[in-house]
């Protein structure tokens, strides 16, 4: 019997363009700063982390991709559950990769202007 997917599970991965940093992401560093502060709080819950992640479409897409890579045989649950399953260290890794891409784009934009 084929397992049916629940309403919270998605079948399609985020499109490639959803993973790309844009100039608007450079202006939204406050979200990433808040997420980093929350990650450093030992009492922070997955729900509090998810509130920050969900404010950034590129970060949400990257967390989902990481979840899919680490859990290929699972459906994709809501963001709070993805974060709880991945753990803080994995979310930190996604955040650091995103920050690196934002710094690179900021540098490129500064060189153009």
N, C-alpha and C. Protein backbone atom coordinates (compact mmCIF):
# COMPACT_ATOMS: atom_id res chain seq x y z
N UNK A 1 0.84 -1.18 0.00
CA UNK A 1 0.00 0.00 0.00
C UNK A 1 0.89 1.25 0.00
N UNK A 2 0.57 2.15 -0.87
CA UNK A 2 1.33 3.39 -0.99
C UNK A 2 0.93 4.36 0.12
N UNK A 3 1.96 4.93 0.78
CA UNK A 3 1.69 5.87 1.87
C UNK A 3 1.22 7.20 1.28
N UNK A 4 0.12 7.70 1.78
CA UNK A 4 -0.37 9.00 1.30
C UNK A 4 0.35 10.11 2.05
N UNK A 5 0.56 11.18 1.38
CA UNK A 5 1.25 12.32 1.98
C UNK A 5 0.23 13.18 2.72
N UNK A 6 0.65 13.67 3.88
CA UNK A 6 -0.21 14.55 4.65
C UNK A 6 -0.27 15.92 4.00
N UNK A 7 -1.18 16.78 4.42
CA UNK A 7 -1.32 18.10 3.79
C UNK A 7 -0.09 18.98 4.00
N UNK A 8 0.70 18.69 5.05
CA UNK A 8 1.87 19.54 5.31
C UNK A 8 3.07 19.15 4.46
N UNK A 9 3.03 18.00 3.80
CA UNK A 9 4.18 17.54 3.04
C UNK A 9 4.11 18.06 1.61
N UNK A 10 5.25 18.54 1.11
CA UNK A 10 5.33 19.02 -0.26
C UNK A 10 6.14 18.05 -1.08
N UNK A 11 5.82 17.95 -2.35
CA UNK A 11 6.50 17.00 -3.22
C UNK A 11 7.61 17.64 -4.03
N UNK A 12 7.58 18.92 -4.24
CA UNK A 12 8.53 19.57 -5.12
C UNK A 12 9.57 20.34 -4.34
N UNK A 13 10.80 20.28 -4.81
CA UNK A 13 11.86 21.06 -4.18
C UNK A 13 11.72 22.52 -4.57
N UNK A 14 12.27 23.42 -3.78
CA UNK A 14 12.21 24.84 -4.15
C UNK A 14 12.95 25.07 -5.47
N UNK A 15 12.45 25.96 -6.31
CA UNK A 15 13.14 26.25 -7.57
C UNK A 15 14.52 26.86 -7.30
N UNK A 16 15.44 26.67 -8.24
CA UNK A 16 16.82 27.16 -8.07
C UNK A 16 16.86 28.65 -7.77
N UNK A 17 16.01 29.44 -8.42
CA UNK A 17 16.05 30.88 -8.20
C UNK A 17 15.66 31.25 -6.77
N UNK A 18 14.92 30.37 -6.09
CA UNK A 18 14.56 30.63 -4.69
C UNK A 18 15.76 30.52 -3.76
N UNK A 19 16.83 29.86 -4.23
CA UNK A 19 18.03 29.67 -3.42
C UNK A 19 19.05 30.78 -3.62
N UNK A 20 18.82 31.62 -4.62
CA UNK A 20 19.77 32.67 -4.96
C UNK A 20 19.54 33.93 -4.13
N UNK A 21 20.64 34.51 -3.69
CA UNK A 21 20.59 35.75 -2.92
C UNK A 21 20.33 36.92 -3.86
N UNK A 22 19.50 37.85 -3.42
CA UNK A 22 19.21 39.05 -4.20
C UNK A 22 19.57 40.29 -3.38
N UNK A 23 19.50 41.43 -4.03
CA UNK A 23 19.81 42.69 -3.34
C UNK A 23 18.88 42.91 -2.15
N UNK A 24 17.65 42.46 -2.23
CA UNK A 24 16.73 42.63 -1.10
C UNK A 24 17.17 41.82 0.11
N UNK A 25 17.87 40.70 -0.12
CA UNK A 25 18.39 39.91 0.99
C UNK A 25 19.50 40.65 1.73
N UNK A 26 20.27 41.44 1.00
CA UNK A 26 21.34 42.24 1.62
C UNK A 26 20.72 43.22 2.62
N UNK A 27 19.56 43.75 2.28
CA UNK A 27 18.90 44.72 3.14
C UNK A 27 18.19 44.09 4.34
N UNK A 28 18.09 42.76 4.36
CA UNK A 28 17.35 42.08 5.43
C UNK A 28 18.26 41.37 6.43
N UNK A 29 19.42 41.92 6.67
CA UNK A 29 20.37 41.31 7.60
C UNK A 29 19.83 41.25 9.02
N UNK A 30 18.85 42.09 9.34
CA UNK A 30 18.28 42.07 10.68
C UNK A 30 17.65 40.71 11.01
N UNK A 31 17.06 40.07 10.01
CA UNK A 31 16.47 38.74 10.21
C UNK A 31 17.56 37.75 10.58
N UNK A 32 18.66 37.78 9.83
CA UNK A 32 19.75 36.84 10.06
C UNK A 32 20.43 37.11 11.39
N UNK A 33 20.53 38.39 11.76
CA UNK A 33 21.11 38.73 13.06
C UNK A 33 20.22 38.20 14.18
N UNK A 34 18.92 38.34 14.03
CA UNK A 34 17.99 37.81 15.03
C UNK A 34 18.06 36.30 15.13
N UNK A 35 18.19 35.64 13.98
CA UNK A 35 18.31 34.18 13.98
C UNK A 35 19.60 33.76 14.68
N UNK A 36 20.69 34.44 14.38
CA UNK A 36 21.97 34.10 15.02
C UNK A 36 21.89 34.29 16.54
N UNK A 37 21.28 35.36 16.97
CA UNK A 37 21.11 35.58 18.42
C UNK A 37 20.26 34.49 19.04
N UNK A 38 19.23 34.09 18.35
CA UNK A 38 18.35 33.04 18.87
C UNK A 38 19.07 31.70 18.91
N UNK A 39 19.88 31.42 17.89
CA UNK A 39 20.67 30.18 17.89
C UNK A 39 21.63 30.12 19.08
N UNK A 40 22.09 31.27 19.54
CA UNK A 40 23.02 31.32 20.67
C UNK A 40 22.32 31.23 22.02
N UNK A 41 21.00 31.24 22.01
CA UNK A 41 20.23 31.12 23.25
C UNK A 41 19.94 29.64 23.50
N UNK A 42 20.51 29.06 24.55
CA UNK A 42 20.31 27.63 24.80
C UNK A 42 18.85 27.26 25.11
N UNK A 43 18.04 28.23 25.46
CA UNK A 43 16.63 27.95 25.77
C UNK A 43 15.70 28.19 24.58
N UNK A 44 16.27 28.58 23.44
CA UNK A 44 15.45 28.88 22.26
C UNK A 44 14.83 27.60 21.70
N UNK A 45 13.61 27.71 21.27
CA UNK A 45 12.90 26.55 20.71
C UNK A 45 12.98 26.56 19.19
N UNK A 46 12.63 25.43 18.60
CA UNK A 46 12.58 25.34 17.15
C UNK A 46 11.54 26.33 16.60
N UNK A 47 10.48 26.55 17.35
CA UNK A 47 9.44 27.50 16.91
C UNK A 47 9.99 28.92 16.84
N UNK A 48 10.81 29.31 17.80
CA UNK A 48 11.38 30.66 17.75
C UNK A 48 12.36 30.80 16.60
N UNK A 49 13.12 29.75 16.30
CA UNK A 49 14.02 29.78 15.14
C UNK A 49 13.21 29.84 13.84
N UNK A 50 12.14 29.07 13.78
CA UNK A 50 11.31 29.03 12.57
C UNK A 50 10.71 30.39 12.25
N UNK A 51 10.38 31.16 13.28
CA UNK A 51 9.82 32.50 13.03
C UNK A 51 10.79 33.37 12.24
N UNK A 52 12.09 33.26 12.54
CA UNK A 52 13.09 34.01 11.78
C UNK A 52 13.30 33.42 10.40
N UNK A 53 13.43 32.12 10.33
CA UNK A 53 13.68 31.46 9.04
C UNK A 53 12.57 31.77 8.05
N UNK A 54 11.33 31.72 8.51
CA UNK A 54 10.19 31.93 7.61
C UNK A 54 10.06 33.37 7.13
N UNK A 55 10.79 34.30 7.73
CA UNK A 55 10.76 35.70 7.27
C UNK A 55 11.65 35.91 6.04
N UNK A 56 12.47 34.95 5.73
CA UNK A 56 13.38 35.06 4.59
C UNK A 56 13.11 33.91 3.63
N UNK A 57 12.63 34.22 2.44
CA UNK A 57 12.31 33.16 1.49
C UNK A 57 13.54 32.37 1.07
N UNK A 58 14.67 33.05 0.90
CA UNK A 58 15.89 32.35 0.49
C UNK A 58 16.38 31.43 1.61
N UNK A 59 16.28 31.86 2.84
CA UNK A 59 16.69 31.03 3.96
C UNK A 59 15.75 29.84 4.13
N UNK A 60 14.46 30.08 4.00
CA UNK A 60 13.47 28.98 4.07
C UNK A 60 13.75 27.93 3.01
N UNK A 61 14.01 28.40 1.79
CA UNK A 61 14.29 27.47 0.70
C UNK A 61 15.55 26.66 0.96
N UNK A 62 16.57 27.31 1.48
CA UNK A 62 17.84 26.62 1.75
C UNK A 62 17.70 25.62 2.91
N UNK A 63 16.92 25.96 3.91
CA UNK A 63 16.68 25.01 5.00
C UNK A 63 15.93 23.80 4.46
N UNK A 64 14.93 24.04 3.62
CA UNK A 64 14.17 22.92 3.05
C UNK A 64 15.07 22.03 2.20
N UNK A 65 15.93 22.61 1.40
CA UNK A 65 16.85 21.82 0.58
C UNK A 65 17.76 20.99 1.47
N UNK A 66 18.29 21.60 2.54
CA UNK A 66 19.15 20.86 3.46
C UNK A 66 18.38 19.72 4.12
N UNK A 67 17.12 20.00 4.50
CA UNK A 67 16.29 18.96 5.09
C UNK A 67 16.13 17.79 4.12
N UNK A 68 15.83 18.10 2.88
CA UNK A 68 15.65 17.05 1.87
C UNK A 68 16.94 16.25 1.66
N UNK A 69 18.08 16.93 1.68
CA UNK A 69 19.36 16.23 1.51
C UNK A 69 19.64 15.28 2.67
N UNK A 70 19.35 15.72 3.88
CA UNK A 70 19.64 14.92 5.07
C UNK A 70 18.58 13.85 5.34
N UNK A 71 17.39 14.03 4.79
CA UNK A 71 16.27 13.12 5.05
C UNK A 71 15.57 12.76 3.75
N UNK A 72 16.25 12.08 2.83
CA UNK A 72 15.70 11.85 1.50
C UNK A 72 14.46 10.96 1.46
N UNK A 73 14.22 10.18 2.47
CA UNK A 73 13.08 9.26 2.45
C UNK A 73 11.89 9.77 3.26
N UNK A 74 11.96 11.02 3.68
CA UNK A 74 10.87 11.60 4.46
C UNK A 74 10.14 12.64 3.63
N UNK A 75 8.88 12.84 3.97
CA UNK A 75 8.16 13.98 3.41
C UNK A 75 8.70 15.24 4.07
N UNK A 76 8.32 16.38 3.53
CA UNK A 76 8.80 17.65 4.08
C UNK A 76 7.74 18.22 5.02
N UNK A 77 8.03 18.21 6.32
CA UNK A 77 7.07 18.73 7.29
C UNK A 77 7.14 20.26 7.36
N UNK A 78 6.32 20.88 8.19
CA UNK A 78 6.40 22.33 8.39
C UNK A 78 7.80 22.74 8.85
N UNK A 79 8.14 23.99 8.65
CA UNK A 79 9.48 24.50 8.93
C UNK A 79 9.92 24.21 10.37
N UNK A 80 9.05 24.38 11.34
CA UNK A 80 9.44 24.16 12.73
C UNK A 80 9.92 22.72 12.93
N UNK A 81 9.30 21.77 12.28
CA UNK A 81 9.72 20.38 12.41
C UNK A 81 11.01 20.12 11.63
N UNK A 82 11.17 20.78 10.49
CA UNK A 82 12.42 20.64 9.75
C UNK A 82 13.59 21.10 10.62
N UNK A 83 13.41 22.23 11.29
CA UNK A 83 14.46 22.79 12.15
C UNK A 83 14.74 21.87 13.32
N UNK A 84 13.71 21.35 13.94
CA UNK A 84 13.90 20.44 15.08
C UNK A 84 14.65 19.18 14.67
N UNK A 85 14.34 18.67 13.50
CA UNK A 85 15.00 17.45 13.02
C UNK A 85 16.44 17.73 12.60
N UNK A 86 16.66 18.85 11.92
CA UNK A 86 18.02 19.18 11.48
C UNK A 86 18.93 19.53 12.66
N UNK A 87 18.42 20.27 13.60
CA UNK A 87 19.21 20.69 14.75
C UNK A 87 19.89 22.02 14.53
N UNK A 88 20.31 22.63 15.63
CA UNK A 88 20.89 23.97 15.58
C UNK A 88 22.17 24.05 14.76
N UNK A 89 23.02 23.04 14.87
CA UNK A 89 24.29 23.09 14.14
C UNK A 89 24.06 23.13 12.63
N UNK A 90 23.11 22.36 12.16
CA UNK A 90 22.83 22.35 10.72
C UNK A 90 22.21 23.67 10.28
N UNK A 91 21.35 24.25 11.11
CA UNK A 91 20.77 25.56 10.79
C UNK A 91 21.87 26.62 10.77
N UNK A 92 22.80 26.54 11.71
CA UNK A 92 23.95 27.46 11.71
C UNK A 92 24.74 27.34 10.41
N UNK A 93 24.96 26.12 9.95
CA UNK A 93 25.69 25.92 8.69
C UNK A 93 24.97 26.56 7.51
N UNK A 94 23.66 26.38 7.45
CA UNK A 94 22.87 27.00 6.37
C UNK A 94 22.98 28.52 6.48
N UNK A 95 22.88 29.04 7.68
CA UNK A 95 22.96 30.49 7.91
C UNK A 95 24.32 31.03 7.49
N UNK A 96 25.39 30.35 7.86
CA UNK A 96 26.73 30.82 7.49
C UNK A 96 26.95 30.80 5.98
N UNK A 97 26.45 29.79 5.31
CA UNK A 97 26.55 29.74 3.84
C UNK A 97 25.78 30.90 3.22
N UNK A 98 24.61 31.19 3.76
CA UNK A 98 23.81 32.30 3.25
C UNK A 98 24.52 33.63 3.50
N UNK A 99 25.06 33.81 4.69
CA UNK A 99 25.79 35.05 4.98
C UNK A 99 26.98 35.23 4.04
N UNK A 100 27.67 34.16 3.73
CA UNK A 100 28.79 34.24 2.78
C UNK A 100 28.29 34.70 1.41
N UNK A 101 27.18 34.16 0.97
CA UNK A 101 26.63 34.57 -0.33
C UNK A 101 26.16 36.02 -0.31
N UNK A 102 25.61 36.46 0.81
CA UNK A 102 25.16 37.86 0.93
C UNK A 102 26.35 38.80 0.89
N UNK A 103 27.43 38.46 1.60
CA UNK A 103 28.63 39.30 1.60
C UNK A 103 29.22 39.37 0.20
N UNK A 104 29.24 38.25 -0.50
CA UNK A 104 29.77 38.22 -1.87
C UNK A 104 28.92 39.11 -2.78
N UNK A 105 27.60 38.98 -2.69
CA UNK A 105 26.73 39.83 -3.51
C UNK A 105 26.88 41.29 -3.15
N UNK A 106 26.97 41.60 -1.87
CA UNK A 106 27.14 43.00 -1.46
C UNK A 106 28.42 43.57 -2.05
N UNK A 107 29.49 42.80 -2.04
CA UNK A 107 30.75 43.23 -2.61
C UNK A 107 30.62 43.46 -4.11
N UNK A 108 29.95 42.55 -4.79
CA UNK A 108 29.75 42.69 -6.24
C UNK A 108 28.93 43.93 -6.56
N UNK A 109 27.88 44.17 -5.79
CA UNK A 109 27.04 45.34 -6.02
C UNK A 109 27.81 46.62 -5.75
N UNK A 110 28.68 46.63 -4.75
CA UNK A 110 29.49 47.81 -4.43
C UNK A 110 30.48 48.11 -5.55
N UNK A 111 31.00 47.07 -6.17
CA UNK A 111 31.95 47.24 -7.27
C UNK A 111 31.30 47.72 -8.56
N UNK A 112 30.02 47.43 -8.72
CA UNK A 112 29.29 47.86 -9.91
C UNK A 112 29.00 49.36 -9.83
N UNK A 113 28.65 49.82 -8.66
CA UNK A 113 28.23 51.20 -8.46
C UNK A 113 29.35 52.11 -8.28
